[in-house]
Amino acid sequence: MAVTAFWLVWLRNLFAVVMLSGIYSLFAAVLYVVMDAVDVAFTEAAVGAGISTVLMLGTLSMTKNTEKRHKCPSLTALALVLATGGVLVYGTFDMPRYGDPNAPINQHVANRYIEKSGHEVGPPNIVTSVLASYRGYDTLGETAVVFTAAIGVLVIIGRSKGGLMPGSTSAARRRREDDEGASS
């Protein structure tokens, strides 16, 4: 994953960047499977590698294929990224060790799901009851975020200079009117 991330930073071909970001998401999904977080892996594969890649390819079809070269990278941006990364790494020092049976998550929530999910929710499968009921609002929120991002991409990238979508009938009509006005 680290090699893929560094490669993403150095590439200037945006199509290759989009493909590598999808590969990065698939690597993350595999990592989640190894860590026994299959539901998160499924979401990462569907959203990260699936719909995000499709949205980025759609956006790329309306833009140029290569990134503009900048003369000098911004030192302020580099400092901000390093500071944010430092804060995130510092935050991990308080986390319990991976697989620790005495971690807070293993003391309350997991036991409740195992013991009471069948009675409270109904389905005998614990994973189904957690995903469909206990985390239902979370899944709905994730879906709303992806939908909002897709609409945002269509609204921001999809408009021409005249304010209309490039392939719309109104845009075609306006072009014809402009052409007729120019020829007369």
Protein backbone atom coordinates (compact mmCIF):
# COMPACT_ATOMS: atom_id res chain seq x y z
CA MET A 1 0.00 0.00 0.00
CA ALA A 2 2.85 2.39 0.81
CA VAL A 3 4.51 1.77 -2.57
CA THR A 4 1.19 2.38 -4.32
CA ALA A 5 0.68 5.63 -2.38
CA PHE A 6 4.15 6.94 -3.23
CA TRP A 7 3.67 5.97 -6.86
CA LEU A 8 0.36 7.89 -6.89
CA VAL A 9 2.15 11.03 -5.74
CA TRP A 10 4.83 10.89 -8.44
CA LEU A 11 2.70 10.02 -11.48
CA ARG A 12 1.45 12.82 -13.75
CA ASN A 13 -0.77 10.70 -16.00
CA LEU A 14 -4.20 11.08 -14.42
CA PHE A 15 -5.59 7.86 -15.93
CA ALA A 16 -2.78 5.91 -14.23
CA VAL A 17 -3.48 7.77 -10.99
CA VAL A 18 -7.17 6.79 -11.12
CA MET A 19 -6.29 3.14 -11.76
CA LEU A 20 -3.71 3.11 -8.96
CA SER A 21 -6.19 4.65 -6.52
CA GLY A 22 -8.56 1.78 -7.32
CA ILE A 23 -5.72 -0.70 -6.75
CA TYR A 24 -4.91 1.03 -3.46
CA SER A 25 -8.53 0.59 -2.38
CA LEU A 26 -8.41 -3.10 -3.28
CA PHE A 27 -5.23 -3.51 -1.21
CA ALA A 28 -7.04 -1.80 1.69
CA ALA A 29 -9.98 -4.20 1.26
CA VAL A 30 -7.61 -7.17 1.41
CA LEU A 31 -6.03 -5.73 4.56
CA TYR A 32 -9.48 -5.41 6.16
CA VAL A 33 -10.24 -9.04 5.30
CA VAL A 34 -6.98 -10.12 6.94
CA MET A 35 -8.00 -8.14 10.03
CA ASP A 36 -11.41 -9.92 10.08
CA ALA A 37 -13.36 -6.79 9.20
CA VAL A 38 -15.21 -8.27 6.24
CA ASP A 39 -18.01 -5.71 6.29
CA VAL A 40 -15.53 -2.83 6.10
CA ALA A 41 -13.62 -4.69 3.35
CA PHE A 42 -16.81 -5.06 1.34
CA THR A 43 -17.60 -1.37 1.70
CA GLU A 44 -14.03 -0.39 0.77
CA ALA A 45 -14.11 -2.58 -2.33
CA ALA A 46 -17.54 -1.32 -3.42
CA VAL A 47 -17.06 2.36 -2.65
CA GLY A 48 -13.29 2.85 -2.84
CA ALA A 49 -12.44 0.62 -5.79
CA GLY A 50 -15.85 0.56 -7.42
CA ILE A 51 -17.92 3.71 -7.48
CA SER A 52 -15.05 6.11 -6.70
CA THR A 53 -13.04 4.78 -9.64
CA VAL A 54 -16.06 5.09 -11.92
CA LEU A 55 -16.69 8.68 -10.76
CA MET A 56 -13.03 9.61 -11.24
CA LEU A 57 -12.98 8.05 -14.73
CA GLY A 58 -16.12 10.01 -15.58
CA THR A 59 -14.49 13.20 -14.37
CA LEU A 60 -11.30 12.37 -16.24
CA SER A 61 -13.26 12.03 -19.48
CA MET A 62 -14.14 15.73 -19.17
CA THR A 63 -10.65 16.96 -18.29
CA LYS A 64 -7.08 16.63 -19.55
CA ASN A 65 -5.08 13.41 -19.22
CA THR A 66 -2.04 14.88 -17.51
CA GLU A 67 -1.54 17.00 -14.44
CA LYS A 68 -0.12 20.49 -14.78
CA ARG A 69 3.46 20.75 -13.61
CA HIS A 70 4.05 23.24 -10.82
CA LYS A 71 7.35 25.05 -10.52
CA CYS A 72 7.87 24.51 -6.80
CA PRO A 73 5.86 22.51 -4.28
CA SER A 74 4.30 24.57 -1.52
CA LEU A 75 6.23 24.29 1.73
CA THR A 76 3.12 25.33 3.65
CA ALA A 77 1.17 22.40 2.21
CA LEU A 78 4.04 20.00 3.01
CA ALA A 79 4.22 21.30 6.59
CA LEU A 80 0.45 20.93 6.99
CA VAL A 81 0.52 17.34 5.69
CA LEU A 82 3.43 16.41 7.97
CA ALA A 83 1.74 18.02 10.99
CA THR A 84 -1.54 16.22 10.30
CA GLY A 85 0.29 12.92 9.84
CA GLY A 86 2.18 13.49 13.09
CA VAL A 87 -1.06 14.13 15.00
CA LEU A 88 -2.62 10.96 13.54
CA VAL A 89 0.41 8.84 14.46
CA TYR A 90 0.45 10.36 17.96
CA GLY A 91 -3.23 9.43 18.32
CA THR A 92 -2.43 5.77 17.67
CA PHE A 93 -0.18 5.54 20.74
CA ASP A 94 -3.27 5.39 22.98
CA MET A 95 -4.88 2.54 21.06
CA PRO A 96 -4.91 -0.98 22.53
CA ARG A 97 -2.77 -3.61 20.82
CA TYR A 98 -4.38 -5.43 17.90
CA GLY A 99 -6.34 -8.46 19.14
CA ASP A 100 -6.10 -7.49 22.81
CA PRO A 101 -8.93 -9.32 24.61
CA ASN A 102 -9.00 -6.59 27.28
CA ALA A 103 -9.63 -3.80 24.76
CA PRO A 104 -12.81 -1.81 25.43
CA ILE A 105 -14.47 -3.05 22.21
CA ASN A 106 -14.16 -6.64 23.45
CA GLN A 107 -15.65 -5.87 26.87
CA HIS A 108 -19.09 -4.46 26.07
CA VAL A 109 -20.25 -4.12 22.47
CA ALA A 110 -19.11 -7.46 21.04
CA ASN A 111 -20.60 -9.42 23.95
CA ARG A 112 -23.94 -7.63 23.57
CA TYR A 113 -24.06 -8.41 19.84
CA ILE A 114 -23.27 -12.07 20.45
CA GLU A 115 -25.72 -12.53 23.31
CA LYS A 116 -28.68 -10.32 22.35
CA SER A 117 -28.69 -9.64 18.59
CA GLY A 118 -30.89 -12.63 17.78
CA HIS A 119 -33.52 -11.55 20.31
CA GLU A 120 -33.34 -7.77 19.67
CA VAL A 121 -33.14 -7.81 15.87
CA GLY A 122 -34.44 -11.16 14.70
CA PRO A 123 -32.02 -12.69 12.18
CA PRO A 124 -30.03 -15.55 13.72
CA ASN A 125 -26.89 -14.47 11.83
CA ILE A 126 -24.98 -11.97 13.97
CA VAL A 127 -23.24 -10.28 11.04
CA THR A 128 -26.56 -9.72 9.28
CA SER A 129 -28.16 -8.26 12.38
CA VAL A 130 -25.22 -5.92 13.00
CA LEU A 131 -25.09 -4.65 9.43
CA ALA A 132 -28.82 -4.43 8.83
CA SER A 133 -29.94 -3.05 12.16
CA TYR A 134 -27.26 -1.81 14.53
CA ARG A 135 -25.24 -0.15 11.75
CA GLY A 136 -28.14 0.62 9.42
CA TYR A 137 -27.94 4.38 9.91
CA ASP A 138 -24.18 4.28 9.41
CA THR A 139 -24.61 2.48 6.07
CA LEU A 140 -27.33 4.94 5.05
CA GLY A 141 -24.98 7.82 5.90
CA GLU A 142 -22.18 6.31 3.82
CA THR A 143 -24.54 5.93 0.88
CA ALA A 144 -25.67 9.54 1.22
CA VAL A 145 -22.05 10.74 1.22
CA VAL A 146 -21.23 8.83 -1.98
CA PHE A 147 -24.42 10.08 -3.66
CA THR A 148 -23.64 13.66 -2.64
CA ALA A 149 -20.09 13.34 -3.98
CA ALA A 150 -21.40 12.03 -7.30
CA ILE A 151 -23.87 14.89 -7.62
CA GLY A 152 -21.13 17.38 -6.69
CA VAL A 153 -18.83 16.03 -9.39
CA LEU A 154 -21.59 16.25 -11.97
CA VAL A 155 -22.52 19.80 -10.97
CA ILE A 156 -18.99 21.22 -10.70
CA ILE A 157 -17.15 19.42 -13.51
CA GLY A 158 -20.08 18.89 -15.87
CA ARG A 159 -20.94 22.52 -16.54
CA SER A 160 -19.63 24.40 -19.54
CA LYS A 161 -18.67 28.07 -19.53
CA GLY A 162 -22.25 29.03 -20.40
CA GLY A 163 -23.53 27.30 -17.27
CA LEU A 164 -25.19 24.38 -19.11
CA MET A 165 -24.24 20.73 -19.22
CA PRO A 166 -22.09 20.06 -22.33
CA GLY A 167 -24.36 17.38 -23.81
CA SER A 168 -27.69 18.97 -22.97
CA THR A 169 -30.23 20.00 -25.62
CA SER A 170 -30.20 23.54 -24.25
CA ALA A 171 -26.45 23.76 -24.82
CA ALA A 172 -26.84 22.46 -28.39
CA ARG A 173 -29.66 24.95 -29.04
CA ARG A 174 -27.54 27.82 -27.69
CA ARG A 175 -24.61 26.78 -29.94
CA ARG A 176 -26.90 26.71 -33.00
CA GLU A 177 -28.26 30.15 -32.14
CA ASP A 178 -24.73 31.49 -31.68
CA ASP A 179 -23.64 29.98 -35.01
CA GLU A 180 -26.66 31.43 -36.81
CA GLY A 181 -26.02 34.85 -35.28
CA ALA A 182 -22.36 34.75 -36.31
CA SER A 183 -23.15 33.74 -39.91
CA SER A 184 -25.69 36.54 -40.47
